[in-house]
N, C-alpha and C. Protein backbone atom coordinates (compact mmCIF):
# COMPACT_ATOMS: atom_id res chain seq x y z
N MET A 1 -24.09 -10.09 -7.74
CA MET A 1 -23.60 -9.10 -6.80
C MET A 1 -23.96 -9.48 -5.36
N LYS A 2 -25.16 -10.03 -5.16
CA LYS A 2 -25.58 -10.41 -3.82
C LYS A 2 -24.71 -11.54 -3.27
N ILE A 3 -24.29 -12.44 -4.15
CA ILE A 3 -23.46 -13.56 -3.69
C ILE A 3 -22.09 -13.04 -3.23
N LYS A 4 -21.50 -12.13 -4.00
CA LYS A 4 -20.21 -11.57 -3.60
C LYS A 4 -20.31 -10.82 -2.29
N LEU A 5 -21.39 -10.07 -2.12
CA LEU A 5 -21.59 -9.32 -0.88
C LEU A 5 -21.77 -10.27 0.30
N ALA A 6 -22.53 -11.34 0.10
CA ALA A 6 -22.76 -12.31 1.17
C ALA A 6 -21.46 -13.02 1.55
N LEU A 7 -20.67 -13.42 0.55
CA LEU A 7 -19.40 -14.10 0.83
C LEU A 7 -18.42 -13.17 1.53
N THR A 8 -18.38 -11.92 1.13
CA THR A 8 -17.52 -10.94 1.78
C THR A 8 -17.92 -10.75 3.23
N ALA A 9 -19.22 -10.68 3.48
CA ALA A 9 -19.71 -10.52 4.85
C ALA A 9 -19.34 -11.72 5.72
N ILE A 10 -19.43 -12.90 5.16
CA ILE A 10 -19.08 -14.12 5.90
C ILE A 10 -17.59 -14.14 6.23
N VAL A 11 -16.76 -13.80 5.24
CA VAL A 11 -15.31 -13.79 5.46
C VAL A 11 -14.94 -12.77 6.53
N LEU A 12 -15.52 -11.59 6.46
CA LEU A 12 -15.23 -10.55 7.44
C LEU A 12 -15.73 -10.93 8.84
N ALA A 13 -16.82 -11.66 8.91
CA ALA A 13 -17.35 -12.08 10.20
C ALA A 13 -16.46 -13.15 10.83
N LEU A 14 -15.86 -14.00 10.01
CA LEU A 14 -15.02 -15.08 10.53
C LEU A 14 -13.56 -14.68 10.74
N ALA A 15 -13.13 -13.57 10.19
CA ALA A 15 -11.73 -13.16 10.28
C ALA A 15 -11.20 -13.07 11.71
N PRO A 16 -11.92 -12.45 12.66
CA PRO A 16 -11.37 -12.39 14.03
C PRO A 16 -11.20 -13.78 14.65
N ALA A 17 -12.12 -14.67 14.40
CA ALA A 17 -12.01 -16.02 14.96
C ALA A 17 -10.83 -16.77 14.37
N MET A 18 -10.57 -16.56 13.10
CA MET A 18 -9.47 -17.25 12.45
C MET A 18 -8.12 -16.72 12.93
N SER A 19 -8.06 -15.47 13.33
CA SER A 19 -6.79 -14.93 13.80
C SER A 19 -6.37 -15.54 15.14
N PHE A 20 -7.33 -16.02 15.91
CA PHE A 20 -7.02 -16.66 17.19
C PHE A 20 -6.84 -18.17 17.07
N ALA A 21 -7.09 -18.72 15.92
CA ALA A 21 -7.07 -20.17 15.74
C ALA A 21 -5.69 -20.77 16.00
N GLY A 22 -4.62 -20.06 15.72
CA GLY A 22 -3.28 -20.60 15.90
C GLY A 22 -2.77 -20.53 17.31
N GLU A 23 -3.49 -19.89 18.21
CA GLU A 23 -2.98 -19.68 19.56
C GLU A 23 -3.58 -20.63 20.57
N GLY A 24 -3.69 -21.82 20.42
CA GLY A 24 -4.33 -22.66 21.41
C GLY A 24 -3.34 -23.44 22.21
N CYS A 25 -3.51 -24.72 22.21
CA CYS A 25 -2.65 -25.61 22.98
C CYS A 25 -1.55 -26.18 22.10
N GLY A 26 -1.15 -25.45 21.11
CA GLY A 26 -0.11 -25.92 20.21
C GLY A 26 1.27 -25.84 20.81
N ASP A 27 2.27 -26.17 20.01
CA ASP A 27 3.65 -26.15 20.49
C ASP A 27 4.11 -24.76 20.88
N SER A 28 3.53 -23.73 20.26
CA SER A 28 3.96 -22.38 20.59
C SER A 28 3.56 -21.97 22.00
N ALA A 29 2.69 -22.73 22.63
CA ALA A 29 2.24 -22.40 23.97
C ALA A 29 3.16 -22.96 25.06
N LYS A 30 4.13 -23.78 24.66
CA LYS A 30 5.02 -24.38 25.65
C LYS A 30 5.93 -23.34 26.25
N GLU A 31 6.21 -23.49 27.52
CA GLU A 31 7.15 -22.61 28.20
C GLU A 31 8.34 -23.42 28.67
N VAL A 32 9.51 -22.85 28.51
CA VAL A 32 10.73 -23.49 28.99
C VAL A 32 11.05 -22.88 30.34
N THR A 33 11.26 -23.72 31.33
CA THR A 33 11.56 -23.25 32.68
C THR A 33 12.78 -24.00 33.21
N ALA A 34 13.16 -23.67 34.42
CA ALA A 34 14.31 -24.31 35.03
C ALA A 34 14.13 -25.82 35.12
N SER A 35 12.92 -26.28 35.34
CA SER A 35 12.70 -27.72 35.45
C SER A 35 12.84 -28.41 34.09
N SER A 36 12.88 -27.64 33.01
CA SER A 36 13.05 -28.21 31.67
C SER A 36 14.51 -28.44 31.31
N CYS A 37 15.43 -27.88 32.10
CA CYS A 37 16.85 -27.99 31.78
C CYS A 37 17.32 -29.43 31.98
N ILE A 38 18.19 -29.87 31.08
CA ILE A 38 18.73 -31.23 31.19
C ILE A 38 19.86 -31.24 32.21
N SER A 39 20.29 -32.42 32.57
CA SER A 39 21.37 -32.58 33.54
C SER A 39 22.63 -31.92 32.99
N GLY A 40 23.32 -31.16 33.85
CA GLY A 40 24.53 -30.48 33.44
C GLY A 40 24.29 -29.05 32.97
N THR A 41 23.03 -28.60 33.03
CA THR A 41 22.72 -27.23 32.66
C THR A 41 21.89 -26.58 33.76
N THR A 42 21.90 -25.27 33.79
CA THR A 42 21.08 -24.52 34.74
C THR A 42 20.34 -23.43 33.99
N TRP A 43 19.31 -22.93 34.62
CA TRP A 43 18.47 -21.89 34.02
C TRP A 43 19.14 -20.53 34.18
N ASP A 44 19.30 -19.81 33.07
CA ASP A 44 19.84 -18.45 33.08
C ASP A 44 18.68 -17.49 32.89
N GLU A 45 18.35 -16.77 33.95
CA GLU A 45 17.20 -15.87 33.95
C GLU A 45 17.37 -14.75 32.92
N VAL A 46 18.59 -14.26 32.75
CA VAL A 46 18.84 -13.17 31.82
C VAL A 46 18.62 -13.62 30.38
N LYS A 47 19.20 -14.77 30.03
CA LYS A 47 19.07 -15.29 28.68
C LYS A 47 17.72 -15.95 28.43
N GLY A 48 17.06 -16.37 29.50
CA GLY A 48 15.79 -17.06 29.36
C GLY A 48 15.96 -18.43 28.74
N ALA A 49 17.07 -19.09 29.06
CA ALA A 49 17.35 -20.39 28.48
C ALA A 49 18.25 -21.18 29.41
N CYS A 50 18.38 -22.47 29.11
CA CYS A 50 19.28 -23.33 29.86
C CYS A 50 20.70 -23.11 29.33
N VAL A 51 21.65 -23.01 30.21
CA VAL A 51 23.06 -22.86 29.81
C VAL A 51 23.88 -23.91 30.53
N ALA A 52 25.02 -24.23 29.93
CA ALA A 52 25.92 -25.25 30.52
C ALA A 52 26.44 -24.75 31.86
N ASN A 53 26.54 -25.67 32.82
CA ASN A 53 27.09 -25.32 34.12
C ASN A 53 28.55 -24.93 33.98
N PRO A 54 28.97 -23.88 34.66
CA PRO A 54 30.38 -23.52 34.60
C PRO A 54 31.23 -24.57 35.29
N SER A 55 32.34 -24.92 34.68
CA SER A 55 33.23 -25.92 35.30
C SER A 55 34.21 -25.19 36.21
N SER A 56 34.49 -25.82 37.34
CA SER A 56 35.41 -25.17 38.30
C SER A 56 36.66 -25.98 38.50
């Protein structure tokens, strides 16, 4: 019983730290901005993405 209680306490103590583990410098932290748009596209603030330039 003491072992189960100790393991449960350890898991509960580490749970908050593990929930933040995925939020670091990973790919999900990248931001797309106007400077990220490729040639022939512009940044659309409403859509929050690069869109093709309108042809005239």
